[in-house]
Amino acid sequence: MPSRTLVTCSDFGRALRTAAGTARLAPSSHNCQPWALLRLSGADARASAARLLRQPGGGPARADSEYVAVVLDRGRQLDSLASHELEMQLSCGAFTQLLTRTLACQGWWLERAVLTDEPGGWAYRSVPAPVRALRDAGWRPDWSLLAVLELRYAGMPEGSLTEYQELTAARRTNRGPYQDRAVPADVLEQLLKPAPGLAAEADLDIRHLTARTDLDRFVSFVARYAGRDFSHPEAWRETYAYIRPTRAEAERRGDGFALSQLFGPLHPLRAAALRTALRPATMRVLRHVGYPRVLASRMAAAIRPTPAVVAMGLTPASPGAADVLRAGARLADYWLTATRHGLALHPISIVLQHEDLRERLQSCLGLPGRTVFVSRLGHAETGFPPAPRRAADTFTHTL
């Protein structure tokens, strides 16, 4: 890749808009994009941020610092399964990593961060006193505070902004067929190298399953159990709500995914038949004749040629929200590294979303900790279209 000129941007408002435009490309379950970004620029908001960040001596906000908050927008989260709470936190962690790395590429370095559920911080889903004071400034009741970040302009970019933006734009979920060729061992080693920023503190075990016996166990597990989600009425109803009939509709909505992003290019008649077959009312009938098992078998057949599966597990026995946020940051960095090496990922979260299935999978494959992410990993045979995204100004706010 040719060298790129390093650039900085001392105007924080402009730098933040650029960073939000990149961070919006973070992965999220069903492409629901459950995050919101707050610039804390008013006097009360800056003072609240300083208190949450535990400034030494309890002093006021620094004049040369800028403050932002990342929140979970509960109006956009998935909630049909208990495991979706963790998935939303993981997505917001990935968003935060892309945000802070893009800011660093413009000369704005992360000085300090405090996350929910950290010792001495605020409990997850609670409203800490400094935030309660911001209700009149525009704080919304359906926001859950996840992270408060302090940034300072250093004038020295971490790397090429253009390169990072291009790499982030190239990252996507590829559900198509993968080539039956091994991922080189040195590339797998690169994927395990420590990541910068919030990702550096992730207490995460990353395993690459490449032995044929392990891969066959995983394929068999998917074939046997992946139909659970298709036959679960509430979970499937929520999933179907994010399936758009056409790519144009997905782009207009800015979230979810078109049928072509799930199944690849489709003839109009096949697309119409699939839309009918996948409707929740239809699935309630078809589940009695084994249709969910057919879908699970097709998924397993697509996975079978994949040369590797990556599994990520949190080491703490009872991880808190802060642990999951950092794991999401590490996932984002891992995925970008894979993209840089020409690799594709296709998360198979369906085997983790039910607690009993997750425990069985971990026992079957000998995975330690609490597995939070599992995905195919390999060289895709063809490219896959990018998922639609909301404009950054729809989730960025100033208090």
Protein backbone atom coordinates (compact mmCIF):
# COMPACT_ATOMS: atom_id res chain seq x y z
CA MET A 1 0.00 0.00 0.00
CA PRO A 2 1.48 3.39 -0.93
CA SER A 3 2.42 5.75 1.90
CA ARG A 4 -0.16 8.37 2.80
CA THR A 5 0.40 11.88 4.09
CA LEU A 6 -0.38 12.21 7.79
CA VAL A 7 -2.87 14.94 8.60
CA THR A 8 -4.18 16.54 11.78
CA CYS A 9 -7.30 18.55 12.56
CA SER A 10 -7.19 20.89 15.54
CA ASP A 11 -10.90 21.73 15.17
CA PHE A 12 -12.47 19.12 17.45
CA GLY A 13 -15.99 19.54 16.07
CA ARG A 14 -14.77 18.78 12.58
CA ALA A 15 -12.56 15.90 13.78
CA LEU A 16 -15.47 14.38 15.70
CA ARG A 17 -17.76 14.54 12.67
CA THR A 18 -15.12 12.72 10.64
CA ALA A 19 -14.67 10.12 13.37
CA ALA A 20 -18.42 9.54 13.72
CA GLY A 21 -18.64 9.03 9.96
CA THR A 22 -16.10 6.21 10.27
CA ALA A 23 -17.34 4.71 13.57
CA ARG A 24 -20.85 4.30 12.12
CA LEU A 25 -19.42 1.42 10.06
CA ALA A 26 -18.92 -0.69 13.19
CA PRO A 27 -20.56 -4.14 13.13
CA SER A 28 -23.78 -4.70 15.09
CA SER A 29 -26.29 -7.52 15.46
CA HIS A 30 -28.94 -7.30 12.72
CA ASN A 31 -27.17 -4.06 11.75
CA CYS A 32 -29.35 -2.34 14.35
CA GLN A 33 -26.63 0.26 15.22
CA PRO A 34 -27.65 0.74 18.86
CA TRP A 35 -25.26 3.57 19.73
CA ALA A 36 -25.47 7.31 20.22
CA LEU A 37 -22.58 9.76 20.54
CA LEU A 38 -22.67 12.85 22.72
CA ARG A 39 -20.29 15.78 22.58
CA LEU A 40 -20.14 17.23 26.09
CA SER A 41 -19.35 20.85 25.34
CA GLY A 42 -21.61 22.91 27.64
CA ALA A 43 -20.23 24.04 30.99
CA ASP A 44 -22.49 21.69 32.97
CA ALA A 45 -21.80 18.78 30.64
CA ARG A 46 -18.01 19.28 30.84
CA ALA A 47 -18.18 19.52 34.63
CA SER A 48 -20.24 16.31 34.73
CA ALA A 49 -17.69 14.55 32.51
CA ALA A 50 -14.84 15.67 34.75
CA ARG A 51 -16.62 14.28 37.82
CA LEU A 52 -17.27 10.96 36.11
CA LEU A 53 -13.66 10.75 34.98
CA ARG A 54 -12.58 11.35 38.58
CA GLN A 55 -10.26 14.26 37.84
CA PRO A 56 -7.38 14.31 40.37
CA GLY A 57 -8.48 16.28 43.39
CA GLY A 58 -12.00 16.56 41.98
CA GLY A 59 -10.98 19.60 39.95
CA PRO A 60 -12.90 21.19 37.07
CA ALA A 61 -12.76 20.13 33.44
CA ARG A 62 -9.46 20.96 31.76
CA ALA A 63 -9.64 23.82 29.30
CA ASP A 64 -7.50 21.95 26.75
CA SER A 65 -9.57 18.73 26.91
CA GLU A 66 -12.64 17.68 24.95
CA TYR A 67 -15.20 15.25 26.35
CA VAL A 68 -17.54 12.80 24.65
CA ALA A 69 -19.88 10.07 25.86
CA VAL A 70 -20.92 6.85 24.16
CA VAL A 71 -24.40 5.66 25.11
CA LEU A 72 -26.60 2.69 24.32
CA ASP A 73 -29.77 3.91 22.61
CA ARG A 74 -32.42 1.59 24.05
CA GLY A 75 -34.85 2.63 21.37
CA ARG A 76 -32.67 0.74 18.88
CA GLN A 77 -31.49 -2.26 20.85
CA LEU A 78 -32.50 -5.89 20.33
CA ASP A 79 -34.26 -7.35 23.35
CA SER A 80 -36.07 -10.56 22.43
CA LEU A 81 -33.34 -12.69 24.06
CA ALA A 82 -31.36 -12.08 27.25
CA SER A 83 -28.09 -12.51 25.32
CA HIS A 84 -28.89 -9.48 23.16
CA GLU A 85 -27.87 -7.20 26.03
CA LEU A 86 -24.30 -8.47 25.70
CA GLU A 87 -24.41 -8.21 21.91
CA MET A 88 -25.45 -4.55 22.15
CA GLN A 89 -22.55 -3.80 24.50
CA LEU A 90 -20.16 -5.62 22.15
CA SER A 91 -21.38 -3.51 19.22
CA CYS A 92 -20.97 -0.27 21.16
CA GLY A 93 -17.45 -1.30 22.15
CA ALA A 94 -16.58 -1.77 18.48
CA PHE A 95 -18.08 1.64 17.71
CA THR A 96 -15.99 3.26 20.46
CA GLN A 97 -12.78 1.68 19.16
CA LEU A 98 -13.34 2.96 15.61
CA LEU A 99 -14.26 6.39 16.99
CA THR A 100 -11.15 6.82 19.15
CA ARG A 101 -8.78 5.40 16.53
CA THR A 102 -10.13 7.77 13.88
CA LEU A 103 -9.74 10.69 16.28
CA ALA A 104 -6.16 9.59 17.00
CA CYS A 105 -5.47 9.60 13.25
CA GLN A 106 -6.38 13.30 13.35
CA GLY A 107 -4.16 14.13 16.31
CA TRP A 108 -6.75 13.76 19.09
CA TRP A 109 -5.45 11.20 21.59
CA LEU A 110 -7.46 9.42 24.25
CA GLU A 111 -6.25 10.86 27.55
CA ARG A 112 -8.59 9.01 29.85
CA ALA A 113 -11.67 6.80 29.69
CA VAL A 114 -14.08 5.48 32.27
CA LEU A 115 -16.59 2.75 31.46
CA THR A 116 -19.75 1.62 33.16
CA ASP A 117 -19.35 -1.17 35.75
CA GLU A 118 -15.74 -0.26 36.49
CA PRO A 119 -14.70 -0.10 40.17
CA GLY A 120 -15.68 3.26 41.58
CA GLY A 121 -17.82 4.06 38.53
CA TRP A 122 -21.54 3.81 37.95
CA ALA A 123 -23.55 0.60 37.72
CA TYR A 124 -24.67 -0.48 34.27
CA ARG A 125 -28.10 0.93 33.34
CA SER A 126 -28.04 3.30 36.32
CA VAL A 127 -28.16 7.09 35.96
CA PRO A 128 -25.20 8.58 37.86
CA ALA A 129 -25.75 11.90 39.63
CA PRO A 130 -23.67 13.97 37.14
CA VAL A 131 -25.90 12.64 34.33
CA ARG A 132 -29.13 13.35 36.20
CA ALA A 133 -28.00 16.98 36.26
CA LEU A 134 -27.97 16.99 32.44
CA ARG A 135 -31.65 16.16 31.94
CA ASP A 136 -32.48 19.78 31.21
CA ALA A 137 -29.58 19.93 28.75
CA GLY A 138 -31.13 17.22 26.56
CA TRP A 139 -30.29 13.89 28.20
CA ARG A 140 -32.84 11.31 27.02
CA PRO A 141 -34.45 8.70 29.28
CA ASP A 142 -33.81 5.88 26.77
CA TRP A 143 -30.03 6.43 26.84
CA SER A 144 -27.76 4.26 28.98
CA LEU A 145 -24.33 5.74 29.60
CA LEU A 146 -21.54 3.33 28.60
CA ALA A 147 -18.35 5.39 28.42
CA VAL A 148 -17.01 8.89 29.03
CA LEU A 149 -13.86 9.81 27.11
CA GLU A 150 -11.41 12.66 27.58
CA LEU A 151 -9.40 13.61 24.50
CA ARG A 152 -6.59 16.08 24.04
CA TYR A 153 -5.03 17.48 20.89
CA ALA A 154 -1.43 16.31 20.54
CA GLY A 155 -0.76 17.51 17.01
CA MET A 156 0.74 14.11 16.15
CA PRO A 157 -1.53 11.67 14.28
CA GLU A 158 -1.44 7.98 15.17
CA GLY A 159 -1.47 6.97 11.52
CA SER A 160 -2.92 7.75 8.13
CA LEU A 161 -6.54 8.88 8.37
CA THR A 162 -7.20 7.95 4.74
CA GLU A 163 -5.82 4.44 5.17
CA TYR A 164 -7.86 3.85 8.30
CA GLN A 165 -11.05 5.12 6.67
CA GLU A 166 -10.50 2.95 3.59
CA LEU A 167 -9.80 -0.12 5.73
CA THR A 168 -12.91 0.44 7.82
CA ALA A 169 -15.03 0.91 4.70
CA ALA A 170 -13.67 -2.37 3.27
CA ARG A 171 -14.66 -4.37 6.38
CA ARG A 172 -17.96 -6.18 6.09
CA THR A 173 -19.77 -9.40 6.88
CA ASN A 174 -19.44 -11.86 4.02
CA ARG A 175 -22.04 -14.64 4.14
CA GLY A 176 -21.06 -16.11 0.78
CA PRO A 177 -18.95 -19.20 0.04
CA TYR A 178 -15.31 -19.25 1.23
CA GLN A 179 -12.37 -20.84 -0.54
CA ASP A 180 -11.18 -24.18 0.81
CA ARG A 181 -7.62 -23.02 1.46
CA ALA A 182 -5.86 -22.55 4.76
CA VAL A 183 -5.27 -19.20 6.38
CA PRO A 184 -1.45 -18.84 6.64
CA ALA A 185 -0.07 -19.42 10.13
CA ASP A 186 1.77 -16.09 10.16
CA VAL A 187 -1.50 -14.26 9.41
CA LEU A 188 -3.22 -16.06 12.30
CA GLU A 189 -0.36 -14.87 14.51
CA GLN A 190 -0.84 -11.30 13.31
CA LEU A 191 -4.50 -11.49 14.29
CA LEU A 192 -3.52 -12.36 17.86
CA LYS A 193 -1.19 -9.39 18.36
CA PRO A 194 -2.24 -6.84 21.02
CA ALA A 195 -4.45 -4.02 19.81
CA PRO A 196 -4.20 -0.32 20.72
CA GLY A 197 -6.64 1.89 22.63
CA LEU A 198 -9.48 0.39 24.64
CA ALA A 199 -8.86 -2.93 22.91
CA ALA A 200 -5.47 -3.23 24.63
CA GLU A 201 -7.20 -3.79 27.98
CA ALA A 202 -9.58 -6.50 26.77
CA ASP A 203 -9.40 -9.65 28.88
CA LEU A 204 -10.22 -11.85 25.92
CA ASP A 205 -9.14 -15.33 24.87
CA ILE A 206 -9.00 -15.71 21.07
CA ARG A 207 -8.92 -19.21 19.58
CA HIS A 208 -8.50 -20.21 15.95
CA LEU A 209 -10.04 -23.58 15.15
CA THR A 210 -8.31 -24.98 12.10
CA ALA A 211 -8.11 -28.74 12.77
CA ARG A 212 -10.58 -30.64 10.62
CA THR A 213 -11.96 -32.49 13.64
CA ASP A 214 -12.83 -29.20 15.38
CA LEU A 215 -14.33 -27.74 12.23
CA ASP A 216 -16.45 -30.85 11.67
CA ARG A 217 -17.70 -30.64 15.27
CA PHE A 218 -18.67 -27.02 14.72
CA VAL A 219 -20.47 -27.78 11.45
CA SER A 220 -22.37 -30.64 13.09
CA PHE A 221 -23.31 -28.39 15.99
CA VAL A 222 -24.71 -25.75 13.64
CA ALA A 223 -26.66 -28.35 11.67
CA ARG A 224 -28.17 -29.76 14.86
CA TYR A 225 -28.94 -26.59 16.82
CA ALA A 226 -28.99 -23.49 14.59
CA GLY A 227 -32.66 -24.05 13.80
CA ARG A 228 -33.50 -22.92 17.33
CA ASP A 229 -33.48 -19.26 16.40
CA PHE A 230 -35.68 -19.76 13.34
CA SER A 231 -38.28 -21.54 15.46
CA HIS A 232 -38.19 -19.11 18.40
CA PRO A 233 -41.23 -16.85 17.75
CA GLU A 234 -40.03 -13.68 19.50
CA ALA A 235 -36.43 -13.93 18.30
CA TRP A 236 -37.44 -14.60 14.71
CA ARG A 237 -40.04 -11.81 14.71
CA GLU A 238 -37.31 -9.38 15.80
CA THR A 239 -34.87 -10.71 13.19
CA TYR A 240 -37.45 -10.47 10.42
CA ALA A 241 -38.14 -6.84 11.35
CA TYR A 242 -34.62 -6.00 10.13
CA ILE A 243 -34.89 -7.85 6.79
CA ARG A 244 -35.66 -5.32 4.06
CA PRO A 245 -37.39 -6.43 0.84
CA THR A 246 -34.93 -4.59 -1.40
CA ARG A 247 -31.52 -3.00 -1.14
CA ALA A 248 -33.08 0.37 -1.95
CA GLU A 249 -35.37 0.03 1.06
CA ALA A 250 -32.44 -0.94 3.28
CA GLU A 251 -30.51 2.12 2.11
CA ARG A 252 -33.51 4.34 2.73
CA ARG A 253 -33.90 3.02 6.28
CA GLY A 254 -30.17 3.05 6.94
CA ASP A 255 -30.18 -0.18 8.95
CA GLY A 256 -31.03 -3.88 8.72
CA PHE A 257 -30.14 -5.85 5.61
CA ALA A 258 -31.61 -6.72 2.25
CA LEU A 259 -32.29 -10.33 1.28
CA SER A 260 -29.36 -10.16 -1.14
CA GLN A 261 -27.04 -9.47 1.82
CA LEU A 262 -28.22 -12.69 3.43
CA PHE A 263 -28.44 -14.99 0.42
CA GLY A 264 -26.42 -13.26 -2.31
CA PRO A 265 -27.89 -12.23 -5.69
CA LEU A 266 -31.46 -13.49 -6.09
CA HIS A 267 -33.86 -13.82 -9.00
CA PRO A 268 -36.95 -11.67 -8.27
CA LEU A 269 -39.19 -14.75 -8.08
CA ARG A 270 -36.89 -16.47 -5.58
CA ALA A 271 -36.67 -13.27 -3.54
CA ALA A 272 -40.47 -13.06 -3.39
CA ALA A 273 -40.71 -16.72 -2.36
CA LEU A 274 -38.14 -16.21 0.39
CA ARG A 275 -39.91 -13.14 1.74
CA THR A 276 -43.08 -15.20 2.02
CA ALA A 277 -41.37 -18.24 3.57
CA LEU A 278 -39.49 -16.16 6.15
CA ARG A 279 -42.46 -14.20 7.44
CA PRO A 280 -43.09 -14.93 11.14
CA ALA A 281 -46.63 -16.15 10.43
CA THR A 282 -45.32 -18.54 7.77
CA MET A 283 -42.46 -19.73 9.98
CA ARG A 284 -44.91 -20.59 12.76
CA VAL A 285 -46.49 -23.07 10.36
CA LEU A 286 -43.31 -24.31 8.66
CA ARG A 287 -41.54 -25.05 11.93
CA HIS A 288 -43.96 -27.94 12.42
CA VAL A 289 -42.72 -29.57 9.21
CA GLY A 290 -39.01 -29.10 9.95
CA TYR A 291 -38.23 -25.98 7.92
CA PRO A 292 -35.93 -24.51 10.64
CA ARG A 293 -33.86 -27.71 10.45
CA VAL A 294 -33.62 -27.29 6.68
CA LEU A 295 -32.31 -23.74 7.13
CA ALA A 296 -29.82 -24.94 9.75
CA SER A 297 -28.60 -27.69 7.43
CA ARG A 298 -28.08 -25.18 4.62
CA MET A 299 -26.12 -22.93 6.96
CA ALA A 300 -23.95 -25.87 8.03
CA ALA A 301 -23.31 -26.81 4.38
CA ALA A 302 -22.15 -23.26 3.66
CA ILE A 303 -19.81 -23.33 6.65
CA ARG A 304 -18.27 -26.73 5.88
CA PRO A 305 -15.56 -25.59 3.40
CA THR A 306 -14.45 -22.74 5.69
CA PRO A 307 -10.78 -23.25 6.66
CA ALA A 308 -11.00 -21.62 10.10
CA VAL A 309 -13.39 -20.57 12.84
CA VAL A 310 -12.47 -17.87 15.34
CA ALA A 311 -13.93 -17.94 18.85
CA MET A 312 -13.52 -15.13 21.37
CA GLY A 313 -14.21 -15.64 25.04
CA LEU A 314 -14.09 -13.30 28.02
CA THR A 315 -11.82 -14.60 30.74
CA PRO A 316 -13.80 -13.28 33.76
CA ALA A 317 -16.34 -15.83 34.97
CA SER A 318 -18.97 -13.11 35.36
CA PRO A 319 -18.01 -10.33 32.93
CA GLY A 320 -19.40 -6.86 33.47
CA ALA A 321 -20.42 -4.32 30.86
CA ALA A 322 -16.93 -2.75 30.87
CA ASP A 323 -15.40 -6.15 30.05
CA VAL A 324 -17.77 -6.58 27.11
CA LEU A 325 -17.15 -3.06 25.81
CA ARG A 326 -13.40 -3.71 25.73
CA ALA A 327 -14.04 -7.06 24.06
CA GLY A 328 -16.02 -5.23 21.37
CA ALA A 329 -13.11 -2.86 20.87
CA ARG A 330 -10.77 -5.84 20.45
CA LEU A 331 -13.20 -7.45 18.01
CA ALA A 332 -13.23 -4.31 15.86
CA ASP A 333 -9.44 -4.24 15.71
CA TYR A 334 -9.27 -7.98 14.94
CA TRP A 335 -11.77 -7.62 12.09
CA LEU A 336 -9.83 -4.72 10.56
CA THR A 337 -6.59 -6.70 10.76
CA ALA A 338 -8.29 -9.62 9.04
CA THR A 339 -9.59 -7.26 6.34
CA ARG A 340 -6.09 -5.87 5.82
CA HIS A 341 -4.90 -9.44 5.10
CA GLY A 342 -7.71 -10.09 2.60
CA LEU A 343 -9.77 -12.25 4.96
CA ALA A 344 -13.52 -12.27 5.47
CA LEU A 345 -15.64 -12.98 8.54
CA HIS A 346 -19.19 -14.25 8.93
CA PRO A 347 -20.38 -14.30 12.57
CA ILE A 348 -22.45 -17.34 13.55
CA SER A 349 -24.04 -15.74 16.61
CA ILE A 350 -27.08 -17.99 16.36
CA VAL A 351 -25.22 -20.67 18.37
CA LEU A 352 -24.44 -18.23 21.21
CA GLN A 353 -27.76 -16.48 21.67
CA HIS A 354 -29.33 -19.22 23.81
CA GLU A 355 -27.49 -19.88 27.05
CA ASP A 356 -27.82 -23.66 26.97
CA LEU A 357 -26.52 -23.81 23.38
CA ARG A 358 -23.56 -21.56 24.21
CA GLU A 359 -22.60 -23.81 27.11
CA ARG A 360 -22.92 -26.92 24.91
CA LEU A 361 -20.80 -25.32 22.19
CA GLN A 362 -18.06 -24.40 24.65
CA SER A 363 -18.07 -27.92 26.05
CA CYS A 364 -18.05 -29.45 22.57
CA LEU A 365 -15.07 -27.38 21.39
CA GLY A 366 -13.25 -26.92 24.71
CA LEU A 367 -13.61 -23.14 24.67
CA PRO A 368 -12.64 -21.37 27.92
CA GLY A 369 -14.27 -18.41 29.64
CA ARG A 370 -17.53 -16.98 28.39
CA THR A 371 -17.67 -17.14 24.58
CA VAL A 372 -19.07 -13.90 23.16
CA PHE A 373 -18.22 -14.20 19.47
CA VAL A 374 -17.77 -17.01 16.96
CA SER A 375 -17.29 -16.59 13.22
CA ARG A 376 -16.16 -18.18 10.01
CA LEU A 377 -12.76 -16.91 8.90
CA GLY A 378 -11.25 -17.32 5.46
CA HIS A 379 -10.88 -16.08 1.90
CA ALA A 380 -14.24 -15.28 0.36
CA GLU A 381 -14.86 -16.43 -3.20
CA THR A 382 -16.63 -13.19 -4.09
CA GLY A 383 -17.17 -9.77 -2.57
CA PHE A 384 -20.28 -8.94 -0.60
CA PRO A 385 -22.19 -5.65 -0.64
CA PRO A 386 -21.80 -3.31 2.33
CA ALA A 387 -24.66 -3.04 4.79
CA PRO A 388 -26.52 0.29 4.90
CA ARG A 389 -25.68 2.79 7.62
CA ARG A 390 -27.42 5.70 9.28
CA ALA A 391 -25.93 9.13 8.69
CA ALA A 392 -23.69 10.22 11.56
CA ASP A 393 -25.79 13.27 12.33
CA THR A 394 -28.74 11.04 13.24
CA PHE A 395 -26.95 9.65 16.30
CA THR A 396 -24.57 12.50 17.22
CA HIS A 397 -25.79 15.07 19.75
CA THR A 398 -24.34 18.01 21.68
CA LEU A 399 -25.04 18.69 25.35
